[in-house]
PDB file of all heavy atoms in Angstrom:
ATOM      1  N   GLY A   1      84.756 139.264 138.553  1.00  0.00           N
ATOM      2  CA  GLY A   1      84.136 140.211 139.460  1.00  0.00           C
ATOM      3  C   GLY A   1      84.763 140.094 140.828  1.00  0.00           C
ATOM      4  O   GLY A   1      85.767 139.431 141.018  1.00  0.00           O
ATOM      5  N   ILE A   2      84.149 140.735 141.776  1.00  0.00           N
ATOM      6  CA  ILE A   2      84.621 140.706 143.156  1.00  0.00           C
ATOM      7  C   ILE A   2      83.669 139.828 143.958  1.00  0.00           C
ATOM      8  O   ILE A   2      82.460 139.972 143.861  1.00  0.00           O
ATOM      9  CB  ILE A   2      84.653 142.129 143.755  1.00  0.00           C
ATOM     10  CG1 ILE A   2      85.519 143.051 142.900  1.00  0.00           C
ATOM     11  CG2 ILE A   2      85.109 142.105 145.194  1.00  0.00           C
ATOM     12  CD1 ILE A   2      86.976 142.694 142.861  1.00  0.00           C
ATOM     13  N   ILE A   3      84.235 138.918 144.731  1.00  0.00           N
ATOM     14  CA  ILE A   3      83.436 138.071 145.599  1.00  0.00           C
ATOM     15  C   ILE A   3      83.900 138.278 147.036  1.00  0.00           C
ATOM     16  O   ILE A   3      84.971 138.818 147.288  1.00  0.00           O
ATOM     17  CB  ILE A   3      83.555 136.581 145.210  1.00  0.00           C
ATOM     18  CG1 ILE A   3      85.001 136.120 145.252  1.00  0.00           C
ATOM     19  CG2 ILE A   3      82.929 136.320 143.872  1.00  0.00           C
ATOM     20  CD1 ILE A   3      85.187 134.638 145.036  1.00  0.00           C
ATOM     21  N   VAL A   4      83.079 137.856 147.978  1.00  0.00           N
ATOM     22  CA  VAL A   4      83.429 137.938 149.400  1.00  0.00           C
ATOM     23  C   VAL A   4      83.675 136.517 149.891  1.00  0.00           C
ATOM     24  O   VAL A   4      82.864 135.625 149.650  1.00  0.00           O
ATOM     25  CB  VAL A   4      82.305 138.592 150.223  1.00  0.00           C
ATOM     26  CG1 VAL A   4      82.661 138.616 151.696  1.00  0.00           C
ATOM     27  CG2 VAL A   4      82.016 139.991 149.711  1.00  0.00           C
ATOM     28  N   VAL A   5      84.825 136.303 150.523  1.00  0.00           N
ATOM     29  CA  VAL A   5      85.176 134.983 151.037  1.00  0.00           C
ATOM     30  C   VAL A   5      85.516 135.088 152.517  1.00  0.00           C
ATOM     31  O   VAL A   5      85.898 136.149 153.001  1.00  0.00           O
ATOM     32  CB  VAL A   5      86.368 134.354 150.279  1.00  0.00           C
ATOM     33  CG1 VAL A   5      86.022 134.111 148.825  1.00  0.00           C
ATOM     34  CG2 VAL A   5      87.600 135.215 150.373  1.00  0.00           C
ATOM     35  N   ALA A   6      85.369 133.964 153.204  1.00  0.00           N
ATOM     36  CA  ALA A   6      85.782 133.887 154.606  1.00  0.00           C
ATOM     37  C   ALA A   6      87.181 133.295 154.636  1.00  0.00           C
ATOM     38  O   ALA A   6      87.402 132.196 154.139  1.00  0.00           O
ATOM     39  CB  ALA A   6      84.814 133.026 155.392  1.00  0.00           C
ATOM     40  N   ALA A   7      88.131 134.030 155.160  1.00  0.00           N
ATOM     41  CA  ALA A   7      89.514 133.556 155.290  1.00  0.00           C
ATOM     42  C   ALA A   7      89.728 133.110 156.729  1.00  0.00           C
ATOM     43  O   ALA A   7      89.522 133.893 157.657  1.00  0.00           O
ATOM     44  CB  ALA A   7      90.483 134.666 154.919  1.00  0.00           C
ATOM     45  N   LEU A   8      90.110 131.833 156.922  1.00  0.00           N
ATOM     46  CA  LEU A   8      90.284 131.283 158.261  1.00  0.00           C
ATOM     47  C   LEU A   8      91.678 130.710 158.435  1.00  0.00           C
ATOM     48  O   LEU A   8      92.260 130.164 157.495  1.00  0.00           O
ATOM     49  CB  LEU A   8      89.262 130.170 158.513  1.00  0.00           C
ATOM     50  CG  LEU A   8      87.799 130.572 158.470  1.00  0.00           C
ATOM     51  CD1 LEU A   8      86.926 129.338 158.509  1.00  0.00           C
ATOM     52  CD2 LEU A   8      87.471 131.473 159.633  1.00  0.00           C
ATOM     53  N   VAL A   9      92.216 130.826 159.649  1.00  0.00           N
ATOM     54  CA  VAL A   9      93.485 130.203 160.008  1.00  0.00           C
ATOM     55  C   VAL A   9      93.306 129.435 161.311  1.00  0.00           C
ATOM     56  O   VAL A   9      92.512 129.818 162.163  1.00  0.00           O
ATOM     57  CB  VAL A   9      94.642 131.220 160.161  1.00  0.00           C
ATOM     58  CG1 VAL A   9      94.978 131.876 158.847  1.00  0.00           C
ATOM     59  CG2 VAL A   9      94.341 132.251 161.209  1.00  0.00           C
ATOM     60  N   ARG A  10      94.055 128.345 161.430  1.00  0.00           N
ATOM     61  CA  ARG A  10      94.093 127.562 162.669  1.00  0.00           C
ATOM     62  C   ARG A  10      95.510 127.651 163.190  1.00  0.00           C
ATOM     63  O   ARG A  10      96.462 127.368 162.483  1.00  0.00           O
ATOM     64  CB  ARG A  10      93.713 126.119 162.387  1.00  0.00           C
ATOM     65  CG  ARG A  10      93.748 125.252 163.633  1.00  0.00           C
ATOM     66  CD  ARG A  10      93.255 123.885 163.349  1.00  0.00           C
ATOM     67  NE  ARG A  10      91.881 124.030 162.870  1.00  0.00           N
ATOM     68  CZ  ARG A  10      91.116 123.034 162.494  1.00  0.00           C
ATOM     69  NH1 ARG A  10      91.557 121.817 162.515  1.00  0.00           N
ATOM     70  NH2 ARG A  10      89.891 123.240 162.069  1.00  0.00           N
ATOM     71  N   CYS A  11      95.650 128.063 164.460  1.00  0.00           N
ATOM     72  CA  CYS A  11      96.970 128.284 165.054  1.00  0.00           C
ATOM     73  C   CYS A  11      97.141 127.450 166.317  1.00  0.00           C
ATOM     74  O   CYS A  11      96.173 127.091 166.978  1.00  0.00           O
ATOM     75  CB  CYS A  11      97.150 129.753 165.421  1.00  0.00           C
ATOM     76  SG  CYS A  11      96.991 130.886 164.043  1.00  0.00           S
ATOM     77  N   ALA A  12      98.401 127.207 166.642  1.00  0.00           N
ATOM     78  CA  ALA A  12      98.728 126.614 167.936  1.00  0.00           C
ATOM     79  C   ALA A  12      98.397 127.641 169.014  1.00  0.00           C
ATOM     80  O   ALA A  12      98.240 128.835 168.732  1.00  0.00           O
ATOM     81  CB  ALA A  12     100.206 126.236 167.981  1.00  0.00           C
ATOM     82  N   ALA A  13      98.291 127.200 170.241  1.00  0.00           N
ATOM     83  CA  ALA A  13      97.894 128.080 171.343  1.00  0.00           C
ATOM     84  C   ALA A  13      98.818 129.285 171.497  1.00  0.00           C
ATOM     85  O   ALA A  13      98.380 130.366 171.886  1.00  0.00           O
ATOM     86  CB  ALA A  13      97.827 127.293 172.644  1.00  0.00           C
ATOM     87  N   ASP A  14     100.106 129.121 171.164  1.00  0.00           N
ATOM     88  CA  ASP A  14     101.047 130.236 171.292  1.00  0.00           C
ATOM     89  C   ASP A  14     101.041 131.169 170.076  1.00  0.00           C
ATOM     90  O   ASP A  14     101.775 132.139 170.031  1.00  0.00           O
ATOM     91  CB  ASP A  14     102.455 129.709 171.543  1.00  0.00           C
ATOM     92  CG  ASP A  14     102.933 128.781 170.434  1.00  0.00           C
ATOM     93  OD1 ASP A  14     102.230 128.624 169.414  1.00  0.00           O
ATOM     94  OD2 ASP A  14     104.013 128.191 170.600  1.00  0.00           O
ATOM     95  N   LEU A  15     100.222 130.868 169.076  1.00  0.00           N
ATOM     96  CA  LEU A  15     100.063 131.644 167.842  1.00  0.00           C
ATOM     97  C   LEU A  15     101.322 131.710 166.986  1.00  0.00           C
ATOM     98  O   LEU A  15     101.424 132.543 166.096  1.00  0.00           O
ATOM     99  CB  LEU A  15      99.564 133.067 168.138  1.00  0.00           C
ATOM    100  CG  LEU A  15      98.235 133.178 168.871  1.00  0.00           C
ATOM    101  CD1 LEU A  15      97.895 134.640 169.121  1.00  0.00           C
ATOM    102  CD2 LEU A  15      97.125 132.491 168.125  1.00  0.00           C
ATOM    103  N   LEU A  16     102.293 130.834 167.237  1.00  0.00           N
ATOM    104  CA  LEU A  16     103.520 130.839 166.445  1.00  0.00           C
ATOM    105  C   LEU A  16     103.388 130.018 165.172  1.00  0.00           C
ATOM    106  O   LEU A  16     104.005 130.341 164.159  1.00  0.00           O
ATOM    107  CB  LEU A  16     104.694 130.325 167.281  1.00  0.00           C
ATOM    108  CG  LEU A  16     105.134 131.244 168.408  1.00  0.00           C
ATOM    109  CD1 LEU A  16     106.261 130.604 169.198  1.00  0.00           C
ATOM    110  CD2 LEU A  16     105.549 132.601 167.886  1.00  0.00           C
ATOM    111  N   LEU A  17     102.624 128.959 165.196  1.00  0.00           N
ATOM    112  CA  LEU A  17     102.435 128.112 164.031  1.00  0.00           C
ATOM    113  C   LEU A  17     100.984 128.175 163.586  1.00  0.00           C
ATOM    114  O   LEU A  17     100.086 127.804 164.341  1.00  0.00           O
ATOM    115  CB  LEU A  17     102.816 126.664 164.342  1.00  0.00           C
ATOM    116  CG  LEU A  17     104.265 126.427 164.764  1.00  0.00           C
ATOM    117  CD1 LEU A  17     104.462 125.000 165.202  1.00  0.00           C
ATOM    118  CD2 LEU A  17     105.192 126.773 163.614  1.00  0.00           C
ATOM    119  N   CYS A  18     100.757 128.652 162.377  1.00  0.00           N
ATOM    120  CA  CYS A  18      99.394 128.783 161.853  1.00  0.00           C
ATOM    121  C   CYS A  18      99.307 128.160 160.472  1.00  0.00           C
ATOM    122  O   CYS A  18     100.274 128.164 159.712  1.00  0.00           O
ATOM    123  CB  CYS A  18      98.986 130.248 161.755  1.00  0.00           C
ATOM    124  SG  CYS A  18      98.867 131.082 163.343  1.00  0.00           S
ATOM    125  N   ASP A  19      98.140 127.649 160.148  1.00  0.00           N
ATOM    126  CA  ASP A  19      97.854 127.093 158.832  1.00  0.00           C
ATOM    127  C   ASP A  19      96.558 127.687 158.317  1.00  0.00           C
ATOM    128  O   ASP A  19      95.591 127.831 159.068  1.00  0.00           O
ATOM    129  CB  ASP A  19      97.687 125.565 158.900  1.00  0.00           C
ATOM    130  CG  ASP A  19      98.982 124.850 159.212  1.00  0.00           C
ATOM    131  OD1 ASP A  19     100.017 125.224 158.633  1.00  0.00           O
ATOM    132  OD2 ASP A  19      98.940 123.925 160.037  1.00  0.00           O
ATOM    133  N   ASP A  20      96.552 128.021 157.025  1.00  0.00           N
ATOM    134  CA  ASP A  20      95.313 128.469 156.403  1.00  0.00           C
ATOM    135  C   ASP A  20      94.370 127.287 156.277  1.00  0.00           C
ATOM    136  O   ASP A  20      94.794 126.178 155.957  1.00  0.00           O
ATOM    137  CB  ASP A  20      95.590 129.035 155.016  1.00  0.00           C
ATOM    138  CG  ASP A  20      96.352 130.340 155.059  1.00  0.00           C
ATOM    139  OD1 ASP A  20      96.189 131.099 156.018  1.00  0.00           O
ATOM    140  OD2 ASP A  20      97.102 130.594 154.111  1.00  0.00           O
ATOM    141  N   LEU A  21      93.106 127.524 156.526  1.00  0.00           N
ATOM    142  CA  LEU A  21      92.101 126.491 156.342  1.00  0.00           C
ATOM    143  C   LEU A  21      91.504 126.635 154.953  1.00  0.00           C
ATOM    144  O   LEU A  21      91.371 127.747 154.437  1.00  0.00           O
ATOM    145  CB  LEU A  21      91.004 126.620 157.399  1.00  0.00           C
ATOM    146  CG  LEU A  21      91.481 126.404 158.834  1.00  0.00           C
ATOM    147  CD1 LEU A  21      90.383 126.750 159.819  1.00  0.00           C
ATOM    148  CD2 LEU A  21      91.906 124.963 159.031  1.00  0.00           C
ATOM    149  N   ASP A  22      91.155 125.522 154.337  1.00  0.00           N
ATOM    150  CA  ASP A  22      90.572 125.543 153.006  1.00  0.00           C
ATOM    151  C   ASP A  22      89.167 126.122 153.088  1.00  0.00           C
ATOM    152  O   ASP A  22      88.265 125.510 153.649  1.00  0.00           O
ATOM    153  CB  ASP A  22      90.544 124.131 152.429  1.00  0.00           C
ATOM    154  CG  ASP A  22      89.965 124.106 151.030  1.00  0.00           C
ATOM    155  OD1 ASP A  22      89.958 125.162 150.368  1.00  0.00           O
ATOM    156  OD2 ASP A  22      89.514 123.027 150.599  1.00  0.00           O
ATOM    157  N   THR A  23      89.006 127.314 152.549  1.00  0.00           N
ATOM    158  CA  THR A  23      87.704 127.974 152.591  1.00  0.00           C
ATOM    159  C   THR A  23      87.232 128.333 151.188  1.00  0.00           C
ATOM    160  O   THR A  23      86.483 129.289 151.005  1.00  0.00           O
ATOM    161  CB  THR A  23      87.772 129.239 153.461  1.00  0.00           C
ATOM    162  OG1 THR A  23      88.784 130.101 152.934  1.00  0.00           O
ATOM    163  CG2 THR A  23      88.057 128.923 154.901  1.00  0.00           C
ATOM    164  N   ALA A  24      87.664 127.572 150.198  1.00  0.00           N
ATOM    165  CA  ALA A  24      87.277 127.868 148.812  1.00  0.00           C
ATOM    166  C   ALA A  24      85.769 127.799 148.618  1.00  0.00           C
ATOM    167  O   ALA A  24      85.215 128.486 147.764  1.00  0.00           O
ATOM    168  CB  ALA A  24      87.987 126.901 147.867  1.00  0.00           C
ATOM    169  N   HIS A  25      85.111 126.995 149.407  1.00  0.00           N
ATOM    170  CA  HIS A  25      83.663 126.848 149.264  1.00  0.00           C
ATOM    171  C   HIS A  25      82.872 127.888 150.064  1.00  0.00           C
ATOM    172  O   HIS A  25      81.658 127.953 149.960  1.00  0.00           O
ATOM    173  CB  HIS A  25      83.254 125.445 149.719  1.00  0.00           C
ATOM    174  CG  HIS A  25      83.580 125.168 151.152  1.00  0.00           C
ATOM    175  ND1 HIS A  25      84.872 124.918 151.585  1.00  0.00           N
ATOM    176  CD2 HIS A  25      82.795 125.143 152.256  1.00  0.00           C
ATOM    177  CE1 HIS A  25      84.843 124.726 152.891  1.00  0.00           C
ATOM    178  NE2 HIS A  25      83.615 124.854 153.326  1.00  0.00           N
ATOM    179  N   LEU A  26      83.530 128.713 150.845  1.00  0.00           N
ATOM    180  CA  LEU A  26      82.840 129.701 151.678  1.00  0.00           C
ATOM    181  C   LEU A  26      82.804 131.058 150.974  1.00  0.00           C
ATOM    182  O   LEU A  26      83.566 131.963 151.268  1.00  0.00           O
ATOM    183  CB  LEU A  26      83.531 129.830 153.039  1.00  0.00           C
ATOM    184  CG  LEU A  26      83.547 128.579 153.901  1.00  0.00           C
ATOM    185  CD1 LEU A  26      84.332 128.816 155.174  1.00  0.00           C
ATOM    186  CD2 LEU A  26      82.126 128.136 154.224  1.00  0.00           C
ATOM    187  N   ARG A  27      81.887 131.184 150.028  1.00  0.00           N
ATOM    188  CA  ARG A  27      81.715 132.436 149.287  1.00  0.00           C
ATOM    189  C   ARG A  27      80.362 133.024 149.631  1.00  0.00           C
ATOM    190  O   ARG A  27      79.402 132.302 149.851  1.00  0.00           O
ATOM    191  CB  ARG A  27      81.807 132.176 147.794  1.00  0.00           C
ATOM    192  CG  ARG A  27      83.164 131.647 147.407  1.00  0.00           C
ATOM    193  CD  ARG A  27      83.196 131.242 145.973  1.00  0.00           C
ATOM    194  NE  ARG A  27      84.472 130.626 145.681  1.00  0.00           N
ATOM    195  CZ  ARG A  27      85.192 130.906 144.631  1.00  0.00           C
ATOM    196  NH1 ARG A  27      84.751 131.750 143.732  1.00  0.00           N
ATOM    197  NH2 ARG A  27      86.344 130.312 144.451  1.00  0.00           N
ATOM    198  N   PHE A  28      80.303 134.351 149.647  1.00  0.00           N
ATOM    199  CA  PHE A  28      79.092 135.034 150.072  1.00  0.00           C
ATOM    200  C   PHE A  28      78.696 136.104 149.067  1.00  0.00           C
ATOM    201  O   PHE A  28      79.535 136.627 148.332  1.00  0.00           O
ATOM    202  CB  PHE A  28      79.295 135.661 151.452  1.00  0.00           C
ATOM    203  CG  PHE A  28      79.623 134.646 152.504  1.00  0.00           C
ATOM    204  CD1 PHE A  28      80.941 134.308 152.777  1.00  0.00           C
ATOM    205  CD2 PHE A  28      78.619 134.001 153.199  1.00  0.00           C
ATOM    206  CE1 PHE A  28      81.246 133.349 153.733  1.00  0.00           C
ATOM    207  CE2 PHE A  28      78.910 133.050 154.155  1.00  0.00           C
ATOM    208  CZ  PHE A  28      80.225 132.723 154.421  1.00  0.00           C
ATOM    209  N   ALA A  29      77.414 136.448 149.085  1.00  0.00           N
ATOM    210  CA  ALA A  29      76.892 137.454 148.167  1.00  0.00           C
ATOM    211  C   ALA A  29      77.402 138.851 148.505  1.00  0.00           C
ATOM    212  O   ALA A  29      77.647 139.665 147.620  1.00  0.00           O
ATOM    213  CB  ALA A  29      75.364 137.434 148.180  1.00  0.00           C
ATOM    214  N   ASP A  30      77.575 139.130 149.800  1.00  0.00           N
ATOM    215  CA  ASP A  30      78.077 140.438 150.209  1.00  0.00           C
ATOM    216  C   ASP A  30      78.799 140.307 151.551  1.00  0.00           C
ATOM    217  O   ASP A  30      78.762 139.264 152.203  1.00  0.00           O
ATOM    218  CB  ASP A  30      76.958 141.478 150.287  1.00  0.00           C
ATOM    219  CG  ASP A  30      75.833 141.082 151.225  1.00  0.00           C
ATOM    220  OD1 ASP A  30      76.055 140.267 152.142  1.00  0.00           O
ATOM    221  OD2 ASP A  30      74.719 141.588 151.048  1.00  0.00           O
ATOM    222  N   ALA A  31      79.473 141.379 151.955  1.00  0.00           N
ATOM    223  CA  ALA A  31      80.274 141.353 153.177  1.00  0.00           C
ATOM    224  C   ALA A  31      79.408 141.170 154.418  1.00  0.00           C
ATOM    225  O   ALA A  31      79.819 140.512 155.374  1.00  0.00           O
ATOM    226  CB  ALA A  31      81.101 142.637 153.286  1.00  0.00           C
ATOM    227  N   GLU A  32      78.223 141.721 154.424  1.00  0.00           N
ATOM    228  CA  GLU A  32      77.346 141.596 155.588  1.00  0.00           C
ATOM    229  C   GLU A  32      76.923 140.144 155.805  1.00  0.00           C
ATOM    230  O   GLU A  32      76.889 139.660 156.942  1.00  0.00           O
ATOM    231  CB  GLU A  32      76.114 142.490 155.422  1.00  0.00           C
ATOM    232  CG  GLU A  32      75.240 142.545 156.648  1.00  0.00           C
ATOM    233  CD  GLU A  32      75.963 143.063 157.879  1.00  0.00           C
ATOM    234  OE1 GLU A  32      76.840 143.939 157.744  1.00  0.00           O
ATOM    235  OE2 GLU A  32      75.685 142.575 158.988  1.00  0.00           O
TER     236      GLU A  32
END
């Protein structure tokens, strides 16, 4: 099915280097 997840990134102050944060556990029932 379709699930809603929170996708997060952490970046350096200059926004040139970013890493995805592990958000596998952040699932929600709906977008709201």
